[in-house]
Amino acid sequence: MMRIDLDSKYTIVSDGEVINLIQKNGKTRKDGTPAGEKWWFQTYGQAIKFYEKKVDAGKPIHSLRELAKQIDSGYKRIEVMVDQRLKEVGIE
């Protein structure tokens, strides 16, 4: 089982076939995965795009400069983190 913590509230958990994005609620299940609201995806890209939409829903963007800053700081960090974790477990 692979787990990628995106931030303090969301994590991606995969058993090789199913990819789940989980909104953590502070509790864990018997198998060690976080408990909370869960969404299912076929690819990591789908899970990350959905995560970005969930996180960005509460952040208004007032200019192109703010959008560029958000992309550079947040999305690239997530992309690099997921790519590194997938390489560690042999998925490319």
Protein backbone atom coordinates (compact mmCIF):
# COMPACT_ATOMS: atom_id res chain seq x y z
CA MET A 1 0.00 0.00 0.00
CA MET A 2 1.34 3.41 -0.95
CA ARG A 3 0.46 6.64 0.85
CA ILE A 4 1.26 10.20 -0.23
CA ASP A 5 0.40 12.97 2.24
CA LEU A 6 -0.42 16.04 0.15
CA ASP A 7 -0.92 18.29 3.18
CA SER A 8 -2.28 18.05 6.71
CA LYS A 9 -5.85 17.48 5.47
CA TYR A 10 -5.54 15.28 2.36
CA THR A 11 -3.68 12.11 1.45
CA ILE A 12 -3.58 9.76 -1.54
CA VAL A 13 -3.70 6.05 -0.74
CA SER A 14 -3.27 3.33 -3.37
CA ASP A 15 -3.18 -0.45 -3.20
CA GLY A 16 -1.93 -0.75 -6.80
CA GLU A 17 -5.36 -0.96 -8.39
CA VAL A 18 -7.50 1.66 -6.65
CA ILE A 19 -6.38 5.23 -6.02
CA ASN A 20 -8.17 7.06 -3.22
CA LEU A 21 -8.00 10.70 -2.22
CA ILE A 22 -8.93 10.89 1.45
CA GLN A 23 -9.83 13.98 3.45
CA LYS A 24 -8.39 13.15 6.86
CA ASN A 25 -10.51 13.55 9.97
CA GLY A 26 -7.80 12.69 12.52
CA LYS A 27 -8.75 9.03 12.92
CA THR A 28 -7.30 5.90 11.30
CA ARG A 29 -8.88 2.67 10.13
CA LYS A 30 -7.79 -0.81 11.25
CA ASP A 31 -5.55 -1.14 8.16
CA GLY A 32 -3.69 2.07 9.06
CA THR A 33 -5.21 4.32 6.39
CA PRO A 34 -6.72 7.64 7.43
CA ALA A 35 -10.45 7.78 8.02
CA GLY A 36 -12.55 10.47 6.42
CA GLU A 37 -14.33 11.41 3.21
CA LYS A 38 -12.99 9.35 0.31
CA TRP A 39 -12.99 9.67 -3.49
CA TRP A 40 -11.92 7.02 -6.03
CA PHE A 41 -9.83 7.63 -9.16
CA GLN A 42 -8.20 5.67 -11.96
CA THR A 43 -5.03 7.81 -12.22
CA TYR A 44 -2.91 9.90 -9.88
CA GLY A 45 -3.41 12.88 -12.20
CA GLN A 46 -7.18 12.73 -11.71
CA ALA A 47 -6.76 12.59 -7.92
CA ILE A 48 -4.37 15.55 -7.89
CA LYS A 49 -6.59 17.69 -10.15
CA PHE A 50 -9.58 16.99 -7.89
CA TYR A 51 -7.46 17.82 -4.81
CA GLU A 52 -6.40 21.13 -6.37
CA LYS A 53 -10.04 22.03 -7.06
CA LYS A 54 -11.05 21.17 -3.47
CA VAL A 55 -8.23 23.24 -1.97
CA ASP A 56 -8.61 26.18 -4.38
CA ALA A 57 -12.38 26.46 -3.88
CA GLY A 58 -11.90 28.67 -0.84
CA LYS A 59 -9.09 30.82 -2.26
CA PRO A 60 -10.20 33.68 -4.49
CA ILE A 61 -7.68 34.74 -7.14
CA HIS A 62 -7.77 38.40 -8.07
CA SER A 63 -4.99 38.65 -10.66
CA LEU A 64 -2.88 36.64 -13.08
CA ARG A 65 0.12 37.30 -10.83
CA GLU A 66 -1.63 35.58 -7.90
CA LEU A 67 -2.54 32.64 -10.15
CA ALA A 68 1.07 32.30 -11.36
CA LYS A 69 2.38 32.42 -7.79
CA GLN A 70 -0.08 29.75 -6.68
CA ILE A 71 0.87 27.48 -9.60
CA ASP A 72 4.59 27.89 -9.00
CA SER A 73 4.45 27.35 -5.26
CA GLY A 74 1.72 24.76 -4.77
CA TYR A 75 1.10 22.68 -7.85
CA LYS A 76 4.74 22.13 -8.78
CA ARG A 77 5.50 21.02 -5.22
CA ILE A 78 2.71 18.46 -5.37
CA GLU A 79 3.74 17.22 -8.82
CA VAL A 80 7.38 16.75 -7.74
CA MET A 81 6.36 15.04 -4.48
CA VAL A 82 4.06 12.55 -6.25
CA ASP A 83 6.60 11.84 -9.01
CA GLN A 84 9.31 11.11 -6.43
CA ARG A 85 7.08 8.81 -4.41
CA LEU A 86 5.98 6.89 -7.51
CA LYS A 87 9.63 6.41 -8.55
CA GLU A 88 10.48 5.16 -5.04
CA VAL A 89 7.94 2.35 -5.36
CA GLY A 90 8.82 1.59 -9.00
CA ILE A 91 5.88 3.18 -10.82
CA GLU A 92 6.75 5.52 -13.67
